[in-house]
Structures are given as structure tokens and as C-alpha cells.
N, C-alpha and C. Protein backbone atom coordinates (compact mmCIF):
# COMPACT_ATOMS: atom_id res chain seq x y z
N MET A 1 0.85 -1.19 0.00
CA MET A 1 0.00 0.00 0.00
C MET A 1 0.89 1.25 0.00
N ALA A 2 0.53 2.22 -0.85
CA ALA A 2 1.32 3.43 -0.96
C ALA A 2 1.31 4.21 0.34
N LYS A 3 2.42 4.86 0.62
CA LYS A 3 2.51 5.66 1.83
C LYS A 3 2.02 7.08 1.58
N ALA A 4 1.65 7.73 2.67
CA ALA A 4 1.29 9.14 2.64
C ALA A 4 2.22 9.89 3.58
N TYR A 5 2.67 11.04 3.15
CA TYR A 5 3.59 11.86 3.93
C TYR A 5 2.91 13.18 4.24
N ILE A 6 2.84 13.52 5.53
CA ILE A 6 2.18 14.76 5.96
C ILE A 6 3.23 15.69 6.54
N PHE A 7 3.36 16.86 5.96
CA PHE A 7 4.33 17.84 6.45
C PHE A 7 3.69 18.66 7.56
N GLY A 8 4.35 18.66 8.72
CA GLY A 8 3.84 19.37 9.89
C GLY A 8 3.57 18.41 11.03
N GLY A 9 3.54 18.97 12.24
CA GLY A 9 3.33 18.14 13.41
C GLY A 9 2.27 18.69 14.35
N GLY A 10 1.49 19.66 13.88
CA GLY A 10 0.48 20.29 14.72
C GLY A 10 -0.92 19.80 14.41
N GLY A 11 -1.90 20.63 14.76
CA GLY A 11 -3.30 20.26 14.62
C GLY A 11 -3.73 19.96 13.20
N HIS A 12 -3.33 20.80 12.24
CA HIS A 12 -3.72 20.58 10.85
C HIS A 12 -3.17 19.25 10.33
N ALA A 13 -1.95 18.94 10.69
CA ALA A 13 -1.35 17.68 10.26
C ALA A 13 -2.12 16.49 10.82
N ARG A 14 -2.48 16.56 12.10
CA ARG A 14 -3.21 15.44 12.70
C ARG A 14 -4.62 15.30 12.12
N VAL A 15 -5.23 16.43 11.78
CA VAL A 15 -6.55 16.38 11.15
C VAL A 15 -6.46 15.67 9.79
N ILE A 16 -5.47 16.04 8.98
CA ILE A 16 -5.30 15.37 7.69
C ILE A 16 -5.10 13.87 7.89
N ALA A 17 -4.28 13.49 8.88
CA ALA A 17 -4.05 12.08 9.15
C ALA A 17 -5.35 11.34 9.43
N SER A 18 -6.29 12.01 10.11
CA SER A 18 -7.55 11.36 10.46
C SER A 18 -8.43 11.11 9.25
N PHE A 19 -8.17 11.78 8.12
CA PHE A 19 -8.97 11.60 6.90
C PHE A 19 -8.45 10.47 6.01
N LEU A 20 -7.21 10.05 6.21
CA LEU A 20 -6.56 9.13 5.28
C LEU A 20 -6.85 7.68 5.61
N ASP A 21 -6.80 6.84 4.58
CA ASP A 21 -7.02 5.41 4.75
C ASP A 21 -5.73 4.66 5.06
N VAL A 22 -4.60 5.36 5.04
CA VAL A 22 -3.30 4.73 5.32
C VAL A 22 -2.67 5.40 6.53
N SER A 23 -1.78 4.68 7.18
CA SER A 23 -1.03 5.27 8.30
C SER A 23 0.04 6.19 7.73
N PRO A 24 0.01 7.47 8.08
CA PRO A 24 0.94 8.41 7.45
C PRO A 24 2.31 8.42 8.12
N VAL A 25 3.24 9.00 7.38
CA VAL A 25 4.54 9.37 7.94
C VAL A 25 4.53 10.89 8.08
N PHE A 26 4.77 11.39 9.28
CA PHE A 26 4.82 12.83 9.51
C PHE A 26 6.22 13.33 9.21
N VAL A 27 6.30 14.39 8.43
CA VAL A 27 7.59 14.96 8.05
C VAL A 27 7.73 16.30 8.78
N VAL A 28 8.74 16.41 9.62
CA VAL A 28 8.90 17.58 10.49
C VAL A 28 10.31 18.13 10.37
N ARG A 29 10.46 19.39 10.73
CA ARG A 29 11.79 20.00 10.67
C ARG A 29 12.74 19.40 11.68
N SER A 30 12.24 19.15 12.89
CA SER A 30 13.07 18.58 13.96
C SER A 30 12.36 17.36 14.53
N LEU A 31 13.12 16.31 14.78
CA LEU A 31 12.54 15.09 15.35
C LEU A 31 12.34 15.19 16.85
N ASP A 32 12.85 16.23 17.49
CA ASP A 32 12.71 16.39 18.94
C ASP A 32 11.25 16.68 19.30
N GLY A 33 10.75 16.01 20.33
CA GLY A 33 9.42 16.30 20.87
C GLY A 33 8.26 15.86 20.00
N GLN A 34 8.46 14.91 19.10
CA GLN A 34 7.40 14.49 18.20
C GLN A 34 6.82 13.11 18.55
N ALA A 35 7.08 12.64 19.74
CA ALA A 35 6.64 11.29 20.11
C ALA A 35 5.13 11.14 20.13
N ALA A 36 4.37 12.24 20.29
CA ALA A 36 2.92 12.13 20.42
C ALA A 36 2.19 12.01 19.08
N LEU A 37 2.88 12.14 17.97
CA LEU A 37 2.22 12.06 16.67
C LEU A 37 1.76 10.63 16.38
N PRO A 38 0.57 10.48 15.78
CA PRO A 38 -0.01 9.14 15.57
C PRO A 38 0.52 8.46 14.31
N GLY A 39 1.79 8.25 14.24
CA GLY A 39 2.38 7.60 13.07
C GLY A 39 3.89 7.71 13.10
N SER A 40 4.52 7.22 12.03
CA SER A 40 5.97 7.34 11.92
C SER A 40 6.36 8.78 11.66
N VAL A 41 7.61 9.10 11.96
CA VAL A 41 8.11 10.47 11.81
C VAL A 41 9.45 10.42 11.09
N MET A 42 9.65 11.39 10.18
CA MET A 42 10.97 11.55 9.56
C MET A 42 11.25 13.04 9.41
N SER A 43 12.51 13.38 9.27
CA SER A 43 12.88 14.79 9.16
C SER A 43 12.70 15.28 7.72
N GLU A 44 12.49 16.59 7.58
CA GLU A 44 12.41 17.18 6.24
C GLU A 44 13.68 16.92 5.44
N ASP A 45 14.82 17.03 6.09
CA ASP A 45 16.09 16.79 5.39
C ASP A 45 16.13 15.39 4.81
N ASP A 46 15.71 14.39 5.60
CA ASP A 46 15.72 13.01 5.11
C ASP A 46 14.72 12.84 3.97
N TYR A 47 13.55 13.47 4.10
CA TYR A 47 12.55 13.33 3.05
C TYR A 47 13.07 13.84 1.72
N PHE A 48 13.59 15.06 1.72
CA PHE A 48 14.03 15.65 0.45
C PHE A 48 15.31 15.02 -0.09
N ARG A 49 16.06 14.38 0.79
CA ARG A 49 17.23 13.63 0.32
C ARG A 49 16.80 12.33 -0.36
N GLU A 50 15.78 11.68 0.21
CA GLU A 50 15.35 10.37 -0.31
C GLU A 50 14.23 10.49 -1.35
N LEU A 51 13.35 11.50 -1.20
CA LEU A 51 12.15 11.64 -2.02
C LEU A 51 11.44 10.29 -2.19
N PRO A 52 10.95 9.73 -1.08
CA PRO A 52 10.30 8.42 -1.15
C PRO A 52 8.99 8.48 -1.93
N PRO A 53 8.59 7.38 -2.57
CA PRO A 53 7.33 7.39 -3.33
C PRO A 53 6.13 7.50 -2.40
N GLY A 54 5.09 8.17 -2.87
CA GLY A 54 3.88 8.34 -2.08
C GLY A 54 3.36 9.75 -2.17
N ASP A 55 2.09 9.93 -1.86
CA ASP A 55 1.47 11.25 -1.89
C ASP A 55 1.93 12.10 -0.71
N ALA A 56 1.98 13.41 -0.92
CA ALA A 56 2.36 14.34 0.15
C ALA A 56 1.23 15.32 0.41
N TYR A 57 1.04 15.63 1.68
CA TYR A 57 0.02 16.59 2.13
C TYR A 57 0.70 17.60 3.03
N VAL A 58 0.29 18.87 2.94
CA VAL A 58 0.89 19.91 3.77
C VAL A 58 -0.08 20.23 4.90
N GLY A 59 0.28 19.83 6.12
CA GLY A 59 -0.57 20.04 7.29
C GLY A 59 -0.08 21.21 8.11
N ILE A 60 0.05 22.36 7.47
CA ILE A 60 0.55 23.58 8.10
C ILE A 60 -0.51 24.67 7.96
N GLY A 61 -0.93 25.26 9.06
CA GLY A 61 -2.01 26.22 9.02
C GLY A 61 -1.62 27.58 8.47
N ALA A 62 -0.46 28.10 8.85
CA ALA A 62 -0.05 29.45 8.44
C ALA A 62 0.16 29.51 6.93
N ASN A 63 -0.50 30.47 6.27
CA ASN A 63 -0.47 30.52 4.81
C ASN A 63 0.95 30.64 4.24
N ALA A 64 1.78 31.51 4.81
CA ALA A 64 3.12 31.73 4.26
C ALA A 64 3.97 30.47 4.38
N ALA A 65 3.92 29.83 5.55
CA ALA A 65 4.71 28.60 5.74
C ALA A 65 4.18 27.47 4.86
N ARG A 66 2.86 27.39 4.68
CA ARG A 66 2.27 26.38 3.82
C ARG A 66 2.73 26.59 2.37
N GLU A 67 2.79 27.84 1.93
CA GLU A 67 3.23 28.13 0.57
C GLU A 67 4.67 27.70 0.35
N LEU A 68 5.55 28.00 1.30
CA LEU A 68 6.96 27.62 1.16
C LEU A 68 7.10 26.11 1.04
N CYS A 69 6.41 25.38 1.89
CA CYS A 69 6.49 23.93 1.89
C CYS A 69 5.92 23.36 0.59
N ALA A 70 4.74 23.83 0.18
CA ALA A 70 4.11 23.32 -1.03
C ALA A 70 4.95 23.62 -2.26
N SER A 71 5.56 24.80 -2.32
CA SER A 71 6.40 25.16 -3.47
C SER A 71 7.60 24.24 -3.57
N ARG A 72 8.19 23.92 -2.44
CA ARG A 72 9.35 23.01 -2.45
C ARG A 72 8.95 21.62 -2.93
N LEU A 73 7.79 21.15 -2.50
CA LEU A 73 7.31 19.83 -2.93
C LEU A 73 7.03 19.82 -4.43
N ARG A 74 6.42 20.88 -4.94
CA ARG A 74 6.13 20.92 -6.38
C ARG A 74 7.41 21.00 -7.20
N GLU A 75 8.40 21.74 -6.73
CA GLU A 75 9.68 21.79 -7.43
C GLU A 75 10.32 20.41 -7.51
N ALA A 76 10.06 19.57 -6.50
CA ALA A 76 10.60 18.21 -6.48
C ALA A 76 9.69 17.23 -7.22
N LYS A 77 8.63 17.72 -7.86
CA LYS A 77 7.71 16.89 -8.65
C LYS A 77 6.98 15.84 -7.80
N VAL A 78 6.67 16.20 -6.55
CA VAL A 78 5.95 15.30 -5.66
C VAL A 78 4.45 15.43 -5.91
N ASN A 79 3.75 14.30 -5.91
CA ASN A 79 2.30 14.32 -6.10
C ASN A 79 1.61 14.85 -4.85
N MET A 80 0.74 15.86 -5.02
CA MET A 80 0.06 16.50 -3.90
C MET A 80 -1.44 16.54 -4.19
N PRO A 81 -2.14 15.44 -3.97
CA PRO A 81 -3.58 15.43 -4.23
C PRO A 81 -4.33 16.25 -3.20
N PRO A 82 -5.54 16.69 -3.53
CA PRO A 82 -6.36 17.29 -2.47
C PRO A 82 -6.71 16.25 -1.43
N CYS A 83 -6.98 16.71 -0.21
CA CYS A 83 -7.36 15.83 0.89
C CYS A 83 -8.78 16.19 1.30
N ILE A 84 -9.71 15.25 1.15
CA ILE A 84 -11.12 15.51 1.39
C ILE A 84 -11.63 14.57 2.48
N ALA A 85 -12.17 15.14 3.55
CA ALA A 85 -12.69 14.32 4.65
C ALA A 85 -13.81 13.42 4.14
N PRO A 86 -13.90 12.20 4.66
CA PRO A 86 -14.97 11.30 4.24
C PRO A 86 -16.37 11.85 4.47
N THR A 87 -16.53 12.74 5.44
CA THR A 87 -17.86 13.29 5.75
C THR A 87 -18.13 14.62 5.06
N ALA A 88 -17.19 15.10 4.24
CA ALA A 88 -17.44 16.32 3.46
C ALA A 88 -18.33 15.98 2.27
N PHE A 89 -19.06 16.99 1.77
CA PHE A 89 -19.81 16.83 0.52
C PHE A 89 -19.18 17.73 -0.52
N VAL A 90 -18.78 17.14 -1.64
CA VAL A 90 -18.22 17.89 -2.76
C VAL A 90 -19.05 17.57 -4.00
N ALA A 91 -19.67 18.58 -4.58
CA ALA A 91 -20.50 18.37 -5.77
C ALA A 91 -19.67 17.76 -6.90
N ARG A 92 -20.31 16.96 -7.74
CA ARG A 92 -19.60 16.27 -8.82
C ARG A 92 -18.92 17.23 -9.78
N ASP A 93 -19.50 18.42 -9.95
CA ASP A 93 -18.92 19.36 -10.91
C ASP A 93 -18.10 20.46 -10.24
N ALA A 94 -17.79 20.29 -8.97
CA ALA A 94 -16.86 21.22 -8.30
C ALA A 94 -15.43 20.84 -8.65
N GLU A 95 -14.51 21.79 -8.52
CA GLU A 95 -13.09 21.53 -8.77
C GLU A 95 -12.29 21.80 -7.50
N ILE A 96 -11.51 20.81 -7.09
CA ILE A 96 -10.66 20.94 -5.91
C ILE A 96 -9.22 20.79 -6.38
N TYR A 97 -8.42 21.83 -6.25
CA TYR A 97 -7.07 21.82 -6.81
C TYR A 97 -6.07 21.13 -5.88
N SER A 98 -4.92 20.89 -6.44
CA SER A 98 -3.83 20.20 -5.74
C SER A 98 -3.52 20.84 -4.39
N GLY A 99 -3.36 19.99 -3.37
CA GLY A 99 -2.94 20.47 -2.06
C GLY A 99 -4.04 21.06 -1.20
N ALA A 100 -5.25 21.20 -1.74
CA ALA A 100 -6.35 21.74 -0.94
C ALA A 100 -6.81 20.71 0.09
N VAL A 101 -7.37 21.20 1.20
CA VAL A 101 -7.88 20.34 2.27
C VAL A 101 -9.33 20.74 2.54
N ILE A 102 -10.23 19.75 2.49
CA ILE A 102 -11.66 19.97 2.74
C ILE A 102 -12.02 19.21 4.01
N GLY A 103 -12.42 19.93 5.05
CA GLY A 103 -12.60 19.35 6.37
C GLY A 103 -13.92 18.63 6.58
N ALA A 104 -14.04 18.01 7.75
CA ALA A 104 -15.21 17.21 8.10
C ALA A 104 -16.48 18.06 8.06
N GLY A 105 -17.51 17.56 7.39
CA GLY A 105 -18.78 18.25 7.33
C GLY A 105 -18.83 19.47 6.44
N ALA A 106 -17.74 19.78 5.76
CA ALA A 106 -17.75 20.92 4.84
C ALA A 106 -18.58 20.59 3.61
N VAL A 107 -19.13 21.63 2.97
CA VAL A 107 -19.94 21.48 1.76
C VAL A 107 -19.35 22.35 0.66
N ILE A 108 -19.07 21.74 -0.48
CA ILE A 108 -18.57 22.45 -1.66
C ILE A 108 -19.61 22.28 -2.75
N GLY A 109 -20.24 23.39 -3.14
CA GLY A 109 -21.39 23.32 -4.02
C GLY A 109 -21.04 23.19 -5.50
N SER A 110 -22.09 23.10 -6.29
CA SER A 110 -21.97 22.91 -7.73
C SER A 110 -21.13 24.01 -8.38
N ARG A 111 -20.19 23.58 -9.20
CA ARG A 111 -19.30 24.46 -9.99
C ARG A 111 -18.44 25.39 -9.14
N ALA A 112 -18.32 25.08 -7.87
CA ALA A 112 -17.37 25.83 -7.03
C ALA A 112 -15.95 25.39 -7.34
N LEU A 113 -15.00 26.27 -7.10
CA LEU A 113 -13.58 25.97 -7.33
C LEU A 113 -12.80 26.33 -6.08
N ILE A 114 -12.03 25.37 -5.58
CA ILE A 114 -11.17 25.59 -4.42
C ILE A 114 -9.73 25.56 -4.90
N GLY A 115 -9.01 26.68 -4.74
CA GLY A 115 -7.66 26.82 -5.29
C GLY A 115 -6.63 25.96 -4.57
N ARG A 116 -5.46 25.88 -5.17
CA ARG A 116 -4.40 25.02 -4.63
C ARG A 116 -4.01 25.47 -3.22
N ASP A 117 -3.79 24.45 -2.37
CA ASP A 117 -3.29 24.65 -1.01
C ASP A 117 -4.22 25.46 -0.12
N THR A 118 -5.48 25.57 -0.50
CA THR A 118 -6.46 26.27 0.34
C THR A 118 -7.10 25.28 1.31
N ILE A 119 -7.36 25.73 2.52
CA ILE A 119 -7.98 24.91 3.57
C ILE A 119 -9.41 25.39 3.77
N VAL A 120 -10.37 24.45 3.65
CA VAL A 120 -11.76 24.72 4.01
C VAL A 120 -12.07 23.84 5.21
N ASN A 121 -12.19 24.45 6.37
CA ASN A 121 -12.26 23.71 7.62
C ASN A 121 -13.66 23.18 7.94
N THR A 122 -13.74 22.57 9.11
CA THR A 122 -14.92 21.85 9.58
C THR A 122 -16.20 22.67 9.45
N LEU A 123 -17.22 22.06 8.83
CA LEU A 123 -18.58 22.60 8.75
C LEU A 123 -18.67 23.94 8.02
N SER A 124 -17.70 24.26 7.19
CA SER A 124 -17.81 25.46 6.36
C SER A 124 -18.54 25.12 5.07
N SER A 125 -19.21 26.13 4.49
CA SER A 125 -20.04 25.93 3.30
C SER A 125 -19.62 26.90 2.21
N VAL A 126 -19.26 26.33 1.05
CA VAL A 126 -18.88 27.12 -0.12
C VAL A 126 -19.95 26.84 -1.18
N ASP A 127 -20.83 27.79 -1.40
CA ASP A 127 -22.01 27.53 -2.23
C ASP A 127 -21.66 27.52 -3.72
N HIS A 128 -22.67 27.28 -4.53
CA HIS A 128 -22.47 27.11 -5.97
C HIS A 128 -21.75 28.29 -6.60
N ASP A 129 -20.90 27.99 -7.57
CA ASP A 129 -20.22 28.98 -8.42
C ASP A 129 -19.26 29.90 -7.67
N CYS A 130 -18.87 29.53 -6.45
CA CYS A 130 -17.84 30.29 -5.75
C CYS A 130 -16.46 29.93 -6.28
N VAL A 131 -15.53 30.86 -6.15
CA VAL A 131 -14.13 30.62 -6.47
C VAL A 131 -13.30 31.09 -5.28
N LEU A 132 -12.57 30.17 -4.65
CA LEU A 132 -11.65 30.52 -3.57
C LEU A 132 -10.23 30.40 -4.12
N GLY A 133 -9.47 31.49 -4.06
CA GLY A 133 -8.13 31.50 -4.61
C GLY A 133 -7.15 30.65 -3.82
N ALA A 134 -5.93 30.58 -4.33
CA ALA A 134 -4.90 29.72 -3.74
C ALA A 134 -4.48 30.22 -2.36
N LEU A 135 -4.03 29.25 -1.55
CA LEU A 135 -3.35 29.53 -0.28
C LEU A 135 -4.18 30.35 0.69
N SER A 136 -5.48 30.11 0.69
CA SER A 136 -6.33 30.77 1.66
C SER A 136 -6.70 29.81 2.77
N GLN A 137 -7.16 30.34 3.89
CA GLN A 137 -7.62 29.50 4.98
C GLN A 137 -9.02 29.93 5.41
N VAL A 138 -9.94 28.97 5.35
CA VAL A 138 -11.32 29.17 5.78
C VAL A 138 -11.47 28.36 7.06
N THR A 139 -11.65 29.03 8.19
CA THR A 139 -11.72 28.32 9.47
C THR A 139 -13.12 27.71 9.65
N ALA A 140 -13.40 27.18 10.83
CA ALA A 140 -14.62 26.41 11.04
C ALA A 140 -15.88 27.27 10.95
N GLY A 141 -16.92 26.70 10.32
CA GLY A 141 -18.24 27.31 10.32
C GLY A 141 -18.39 28.56 9.48
N VAL A 142 -17.57 28.74 8.46
CA VAL A 142 -17.68 29.91 7.57
C VAL A 142 -18.66 29.60 6.45
N THR A 143 -19.43 30.62 6.01
CA THR A 143 -20.43 30.45 4.96
C THR A 143 -20.18 31.43 3.83
N PHE A 144 -20.10 30.90 2.61
CA PHE A 144 -20.00 31.73 1.40
C PHE A 144 -21.28 31.54 0.59
N GLY A 145 -22.01 32.63 0.35
CA GLY A 145 -23.15 32.56 -0.54
C GLY A 145 -22.71 32.28 -1.97
N GLY A 146 -23.66 31.94 -2.83
CA GLY A 146 -23.33 31.59 -4.21
C GLY A 146 -22.64 32.71 -4.95
N GLY A 147 -21.72 32.34 -5.84
CA GLY A 147 -21.08 33.29 -6.74
C GLY A 147 -20.03 34.19 -6.12
N VAL A 148 -19.58 33.89 -4.92
CA VAL A 148 -18.53 34.70 -4.28
C VAL A 148 -17.18 34.38 -4.92
N ARG A 149 -16.36 35.40 -5.12
CA ARG A 149 -15.01 35.22 -5.67
C ARG A 149 -14.01 35.77 -4.66
N VAL A 150 -13.06 34.92 -4.27
CA VAL A 150 -12.07 35.27 -3.26
C VAL A 150 -10.68 35.16 -3.87
N GLY A 151 -9.83 36.15 -3.63
CA GLY A 151 -8.47 36.14 -4.14
C GLY A 151 -7.57 35.16 -3.38
N ALA A 152 -6.28 35.30 -3.59
CA ALA A 152 -5.29 34.42 -2.98
C ALA A 152 -4.88 34.93 -1.59
N ASN A 153 -4.43 33.98 -0.76
CA ASN A 153 -3.83 34.29 0.54
C ASN A 153 -4.78 35.06 1.46
N CYS A 154 -6.01 34.59 1.52
CA CYS A 154 -7.00 35.22 2.41
C CYS A 154 -7.24 34.36 3.64
N PHE A 155 -7.83 34.97 4.66
CA PHE A 155 -8.14 34.27 5.91
C PHE A 155 -9.53 34.67 6.36
N PHE A 156 -10.34 33.65 6.71
CA PHE A 156 -11.71 33.90 7.18
C PHE A 156 -11.85 33.30 8.57
N GLY A 157 -12.12 34.15 9.57
CA GLY A 157 -12.25 33.70 10.95
C GLY A 157 -13.51 32.89 11.18
N ILE A 158 -13.55 32.22 12.32
CA ILE A 158 -14.65 31.31 12.66
C ILE A 158 -16.01 32.01 12.55
N LYS A 159 -16.93 31.31 11.86
CA LYS A 159 -18.32 31.75 11.69
C LYS A 159 -18.47 33.12 11.02
N SER A 160 -17.48 33.48 10.22
CA SER A 160 -17.68 34.65 9.36
C SER A 160 -18.49 34.22 8.13
N GLY A 161 -18.91 35.19 7.33
CA GLY A 161 -19.71 34.86 6.17
C GLY A 161 -19.62 35.93 5.10
N VAL A 162 -19.99 35.54 3.88
CA VAL A 162 -20.00 36.46 2.75
C VAL A 162 -21.33 36.28 2.01
N VAL A 163 -22.07 37.37 1.79
CA VAL A 163 -23.33 37.27 1.07
C VAL A 163 -23.04 36.99 -0.40
N PRO A 164 -24.03 36.51 -1.15
CA PRO A 164 -23.77 36.08 -2.53
C PRO A 164 -23.22 37.18 -3.43
N ASN A 165 -22.45 36.70 -4.43
CA ASN A 165 -21.99 37.52 -5.56
C ASN A 165 -21.10 38.69 -5.16
N ARG A 166 -20.30 38.52 -4.13
CA ARG A 166 -19.33 39.54 -3.74
C ARG A 166 -17.93 39.10 -4.18
N THR A 167 -17.05 40.08 -4.38
CA THR A 167 -15.67 39.83 -4.79
C THR A 167 -14.74 40.34 -3.71
N ILE A 168 -13.79 39.50 -3.31
CA ILE A 168 -12.84 39.81 -2.24
C ILE A 168 -11.44 39.70 -2.82
N GLY A 169 -10.63 40.73 -2.62
CA GLY A 169 -9.30 40.78 -3.21
C GLY A 169 -8.30 39.86 -2.51
N ASP A 170 -7.07 39.90 -2.99
CA ASP A 170 -5.99 39.12 -2.39
C ASP A 170 -5.62 39.67 -1.01
N ASN A 171 -5.08 38.79 -0.17
CA ASN A 171 -4.51 39.18 1.13
C ASN A 171 -5.51 39.90 2.03
N VAL A 172 -6.71 39.37 2.09
CA VAL A 172 -7.76 39.93 2.95
C VAL A 172 -7.94 39.03 4.16
N GLN A 173 -8.06 39.64 5.34
CA GLN A 173 -8.36 38.92 6.56
C GLN A 173 -9.73 39.35 7.07
N VAL A 174 -10.58 38.36 7.33
CA VAL A 174 -11.93 38.63 7.82
C VAL A 174 -12.03 38.09 9.24
N MET A 175 -12.36 38.97 10.18
CA MET A 175 -12.38 38.60 11.59
C MET A 175 -13.55 37.67 11.90
N ALA A 176 -13.40 36.89 12.97
CA ALA A 176 -14.42 35.92 13.38
C ALA A 176 -15.77 36.60 13.56
N GLY A 177 -16.83 35.95 13.07
CA GLY A 177 -18.18 36.44 13.24
C GLY A 177 -18.58 37.58 12.33
N SER A 178 -17.70 38.01 11.45
CA SER A 178 -17.99 39.15 10.58
C SER A 178 -18.82 38.72 9.36
N LEU A 179 -19.60 39.66 8.82
CA LEU A 179 -20.39 39.40 7.63
C LEU A 179 -20.01 40.40 6.55
N ILE A 180 -19.49 39.87 5.44
CA ILE A 180 -19.12 40.70 4.30
C ILE A 180 -20.35 40.91 3.44
N THR A 181 -20.74 42.17 3.25
CA THR A 181 -21.94 42.49 2.48
C THR A 181 -21.63 43.30 1.22
N ALA A 182 -20.35 43.67 1.02
CA ALA A 182 -19.95 44.44 -0.15
C ALA A 182 -18.61 43.91 -0.65
N ASP A 183 -18.23 44.30 -1.86
CA ASP A 183 -16.92 43.91 -2.38
C ASP A 183 -15.82 44.44 -1.47
N VAL A 184 -14.68 43.72 -1.44
CA VAL A 184 -13.58 44.09 -0.54
C VAL A 184 -12.31 44.23 -1.36
N GLU A 185 -11.63 45.36 -1.17
CA GLU A 185 -10.35 45.59 -1.87
C GLU A 185 -9.25 44.71 -1.28
N PRO A 186 -8.14 44.54 -1.99
CA PRO A 186 -7.04 43.72 -1.47
C PRO A 186 -6.37 44.35 -0.26
N ASP A 187 -5.65 43.52 0.49
CA ASP A 187 -4.72 43.96 1.54
C ASP A 187 -5.39 44.72 2.68
N VAL A 188 -6.48 44.16 3.19
CA VAL A 188 -7.18 44.81 4.29
C VAL A 188 -7.63 43.77 5.31
N VAL A 189 -7.91 44.26 6.52
CA VAL A 189 -8.57 43.47 7.56
C VAL A 189 -9.98 44.01 7.70
N MET A 190 -10.99 43.11 7.68
CA MET A 190 -12.38 43.51 7.79
C MET A 190 -12.98 42.89 9.05
N GLY A 191 -13.88 43.63 9.71
CA GLY A 191 -14.52 43.09 10.90
C GLY A 191 -15.87 43.74 11.15
N GLY A 192 -16.76 42.99 11.81
CA GLY A 192 -18.06 43.54 12.18
C GLY A 192 -19.19 42.96 11.34
N ASN A 193 -20.43 43.35 11.71
CA ASN A 193 -21.62 42.91 11.00
C ASN A 193 -22.56 44.10 10.85
N PRO A 194 -22.62 44.71 9.67
CA PRO A 194 -21.85 44.37 8.46
C PRO A 194 -20.37 44.72 8.61
N ALA A 195 -19.51 44.01 7.89
CA ALA A 195 -18.07 44.20 8.03
C ALA A 195 -17.63 45.55 7.49
N ARG A 196 -16.71 46.17 8.23
CA ARG A 196 -16.11 47.43 7.82
C ARG A 196 -14.59 47.32 7.89
N LEU A 197 -13.92 48.25 7.24
CA LEU A 197 -12.46 48.27 7.23
C LEU A 197 -11.94 48.46 8.64
N VAL A 198 -11.06 47.55 9.08
CA VAL A 198 -10.40 47.67 10.38
C VAL A 198 -9.03 48.29 10.20
N LYS A 199 -8.27 47.77 9.23
CA LYS A 199 -6.96 48.36 8.93
C LYS A 199 -6.48 47.84 7.59
N ARG A 200 -5.50 48.56 7.04
CA ARG A 200 -4.85 48.12 5.81
C ARG A 200 -3.59 47.32 6.15
N ILE A 201 -3.26 46.38 5.31
CA ILE A 201 -2.10 45.50 5.53
C ILE A 201 -0.97 45.96 4.64
N GLY A 202 0.21 46.12 5.24
CA GLY A 202 1.39 46.47 4.45
C GLY A 202 1.51 47.95 4.15
């Protein structure tokens, strides 16, 4: 049986492990203090030196660190399939790109697109015709109405939401419990119900 390799040793990595049908090997920067992981462990240095056969998953929550890891794996031509929880619903005509993670109880609607390395966490709903850009993180219980378009490297806090047919730029952070009711420019933090500009990023 083919092996699976999960990069990271924290919560996201363990969640991915719980979705897989095989016992994974966790790939971590340092082998110190990793005894509690539910599987075998190897160092990043050993992995990239050996490049063992098998699928790789990036179990790192922080967008920037996830991007660095995923880019290195793609440069090494490693297969990075999406990881979809057995209890998630993904419409037959939805598209889930390489490296994306769809959590337990999440719903991905008809003709929705989830970009590479994006995380859609537990019980979040991405309705029909939505597009979520690459390297974004959707935390638990987030709701996107139909036709929402989200740029790259965005973050949506717990139980935030977006009403239908809104466009959100790159590098946007939406605070927990906030409701987006209008289009959002790039590089901002939004908060409140209805959501308003909290600050600009960069």
C-alpha cells in the first residue's frame, strides 16, 4: 500500500491524518518532541534527500509557511492530491485543486472551485459557483453565498460569512463572526456585521 507523507506536526497535520485510509509518515523540521504524533516520523532533510514514493500533504495552518512547503514539494515533482474528509460533501462538478484540504462536514457546491493549497475547515459551506483563490484559509463554520469570488492568501475567521456575488481581493483577513456584504479591496482586515475596514495591511 502506498505511503502518505504529511508535512507538519500540529493540529492541521493530525486532522489530515484522520482523513486518510493509510497510516501516514509525519515529516517535520526537527525530530525532537514528536513522540505524540499518531504515526511514523521523519525529518524534512531526510525526506528531500530520499524523495520516497507516495502522496504528500501539507498540514501547516499558516499561509506563508504552507506556501513555502508546497512550493518546495512541487519543485521536487511530488504528487500533492487534495485531501477531502470522508464526511465532506463535494459536488460532482466542483473543482478541488492540488494540495487543498476539505474538512469534516464541509460542503462544496456545484461548480465551485477551491484553489491550490487552500484549507476549508470543519462545517464550512462554499455555495455554488464560488471561487476561492490559492493559499487561503477558511476556518470552522464559515459560509459563502453563491457566486462569491475570493483572491489568494485570504483568511476567514470562525463563523464569518459572505453574502452572494461579492468579490474579495488578495490578502484579505476577515475577523471571526464578521459578515461581508460588499466587495472588498485587497490587503485589508475587515470586521463587524456588516463588516467594515479595520486596517490596511502592508
